[in-house]
C-alpha atoms as a PDB file:
ATOM      1  CA  MET A   1     129.609  55.927 117.126  1.00  0.00           C
ATOM      2  CA  THR A   2     130.607  58.675 118.649  1.00  0.00           C
ATOM      3  CA  THR A   3     133.130  59.254 115.615  1.00  0.00           C
ATOM      4  CA  VAL A   4     130.343  60.166 113.140  1.00  0.00           C
ATOM      5  CA  LEU A   5     127.939  62.111 115.344  1.00  0.00           C
ATOM      6  CA  ALA A   6     130.703  64.627 116.442  1.00  0.00           C
ATOM      7  CA  PRO A   7     131.238  66.601 113.399  1.00  0.00           C
ATOM      8  CA  ALA A   8     127.592  66.516 112.596  1.00  0.00           C
ATOM      9  CA  LEU A   9     126.976  68.019 116.235  1.00  0.00           C
ATOM     10  CA  ILE A  10     129.350  70.772 116.092  1.00  0.00           C
ATOM     11  CA  ASP A  11     128.300  71.325 112.180  1.00  0.00           C
ATOM     12  CA  ALA A  12     124.397  71.981 114.255  1.00  0.00           C
ATOM     13  CA  SER A  13     125.673  73.747 116.484  1.00  0.00           C
ATOM     14  CA  SER A  14     127.637  76.480 114.491  1.00  0.00           C
ATOM     15  CA  TRP A  15     124.586  76.721 112.371  1.00  0.00           C
ATOM     16  CA  LEU A  16     122.375  77.123 115.343  1.00  0.00           C
ATOM     17  CA  ILE A  17     125.084  80.023 116.616  1.00  0.00           C
ATOM     18  CA  GLY A  18     125.027  81.828 113.105  1.00  0.00           C
ATOM     19  CA  LEU A  19     121.039  81.775 112.748  1.00  0.00           C
ATOM     20  CA  VAL A  20     121.068  83.388 116.378  1.00  0.00           C
ATOM     21  CA  VAL A  21     124.298  85.730 115.678  1.00  0.00           C
ATOM     22  CA  ILE A  22     121.984  87.133 112.481  1.00  0.00           C
ATOM     23  CA  ALA A  23     118.273  87.166 114.466  1.00  0.00           C
ATOM     24  CA  ALA A  24     120.464  89.802 116.604  1.00  0.00           C
ATOM     25  CA  ALA A  25     121.359  91.447 114.196  1.00  0.00           C
ATOM     26  CA  LEU A  26     118.061  92.031 112.266  1.00  0.00           C
ATOM     27  CA  LEU A  27     116.519  92.699 115.658  1.00  0.00           C
ATOM     28  CA  ARG A  28     118.975  95.178 116.657  1.00  0.00           C
ATOM     29  CA  ALA A  29     118.356  96.940 112.992  1.00  0.00           C
ATOM     30  CA  TRP A  30     114.704  96.798 113.459  1.00  0.00           C
ATOM     31  CA  GLN A  31     114.757  98.882 116.671  1.00  0.00           C
ATOM     32  CA  GLY A  32     116.926 101.355 115.486  1.00  0.00           C
ATOM     33  CA  TRP A  33     114.622 101.711 112.344  1.00  0.00           C
ATOM     34  CA  LEU A  34     111.599 102.253 114.732  1.00  0.00           C
ATOM     35  CA  ASP A  35     113.710 104.766 116.573  1.00  0.00           C
ATOM     36  CA  LEU A  36     114.509 106.963 113.656  1.00  0.00           C
ATOM     37  CA  LYS A  37     110.607 106.887 112.625  1.00  0.00           C
ATOM     38  CA  ARG A  38     109.795 107.815 116.228  1.00  0.00           C
ATOM     39  CA  HIS A  39     112.568 110.398 116.055  1.00  0.00           C
ATOM     40  CA  GLU A  40     110.745 111.636 112.706  1.00  0.00           C
ATOM     41  CA  LEU A  41     106.986 111.477 113.757  1.00  0.00           C
ATOM     42  CA  GLU A  42     108.046 113.541 117.003  1.00  0.00           C
ATOM     43  CA  ARG A  43     110.018 116.029 114.888  1.00  0.00           C
ATOM     44  CA  GLY A  44     107.321 116.714 112.416  1.00  0.00           C
ATOM     45  CA  LEU A  45     109.136 115.262 109.622  1.00  0.00           C
ATOM     46  CA  PRO A  46     108.223 113.478 106.214  1.00  0.00           C
ATOM     47  CA  SER A  47     109.086 109.900 106.068  1.00  0.00           C
ATOM     48  CA  ARG A  48     110.098 110.146 101.870  1.00  0.00           C
ATOM     49  CA  PRO A  49     112.288 112.906 100.621  1.00  0.00           C
ATOM     50  CA  GLY A  50     109.677 114.942  98.397  1.00  0.00           C
ATOM     51  CA  GLU A  51     106.938 114.805 100.444  1.00  0.00           C
ATOM     52  CA  GLU A  52     106.152 117.745 101.811  1.00  0.00           C
ATOM     53  CA  GLY A  53     105.329 118.866  98.485  1.00  0.00           C
ATOM     54  CA  ALA A  54     103.009 116.209  97.248  1.00  0.00           C
ATOM     55  CA  GLY A  55     100.016 117.482  98.943  1.00  0.00           C
ATOM     56  CA  LEU A  56     100.185 120.938  97.441  1.00  0.00           C
ATOM     57  CA  GLY A  57     101.043 119.465  93.611  1.00  0.00           C
ATOM     58  CA  SER A  58      98.042 117.013  93.675  1.00  0.00           C
ATOM     59  CA  ALA A  59      95.716 120.277  95.617  1.00  0.00           C
ATOM     60  CA  ARG A  60      96.791 122.382  92.498  1.00  0.00           C
ATOM     61  CA  ILE A  61      95.913 119.365  89.910  1.00  0.00           C
ATOM     62  CA  GLU A  62      92.758 118.785  91.491  1.00  0.00           C
ATOM     63  CA  LEU A  63      91.756 122.096  91.323  1.00  0.00           C
ATOM     64  CA  ALA A  64      92.577 122.782  87.962  1.00  0.00           C
ATOM     65  CA  ASP A  65      90.247 119.639  86.694  1.00  0.00           C
ATOM     66  CA  LEU A  66      87.472 121.338  88.785  1.00  0.00           C
ATOM     67  CA  LYS A  67      87.716 124.326  87.311  1.00  0.00           C
ATOM     68  CA  GLU A  68      87.626 122.357  83.464  1.00  0.00           C
ATOM     69  CA  ARG A  69      84.441 120.730  84.763  1.00  0.00           C
ATOM     70  CA  ILE A  70      83.119 123.933  85.753  1.00  0.00           C
ATOM     71  CA  ARG A  71      83.769 125.522  82.524  1.00  0.00           C
ATOM     72  CA  LYS A  72      82.335 122.571  80.926  1.00  0.00           C
ATOM     73  CA  LEU A  73      79.116 122.736  82.396  1.00  0.00           C
ATOM     74  CA  GLU A  74      78.639 126.380  81.851  1.00  0.00           C
ATOM     75  CA  ALA A  75      79.407 125.736  78.369  1.00  0.00           C
ATOM     76  CA  ILE A  76      76.623 122.911  78.472  1.00  0.00           C
ATOM     77  CA  ALA A  77      74.461 125.350  80.609  1.00  0.00           C
ATOM     78  CA  SER A  78      74.756 128.054  77.946  1.00  0.00           C
ATOM     79  CA  GLY A  79      73.740 125.881  75.044  1.00  0.00           C
ATOM     80  CA  VAL A  80      77.498 126.198  73.891  1.00  0.00           C
ATOM     81  CA  ASP A  81      79.056 123.078  72.707  1.00  0.00           C
ATOM     82  CA  PRO A  82      82.315 122.014  74.476  1.00  0.00           C
END
C-alpha cells in the first residue's frame, strides 16, 4: 500500500511546491509593477508613451469641430444654404 501512495504523494508535493514558487514570483512582479506606477505618479509621468500630447490633439479637433458648427449656424442665420 505504501509503495502506491509514495509516488502520488511525491507528485502532489512537487506540484504544490511549484505552484507556491510561481505564485510568489507573480506576487513579486505585481509588487514591482505597483512600485513602478507609484513612482510614475509621484514624478508626474504619463502612464503610456504618447499620452502627453493626446489632450492637446483632441482639444484641437474639438475646437475645429466647434468652429465648423458655428460657421454652419451663422450660414443658417443669414439665410445661406450651408
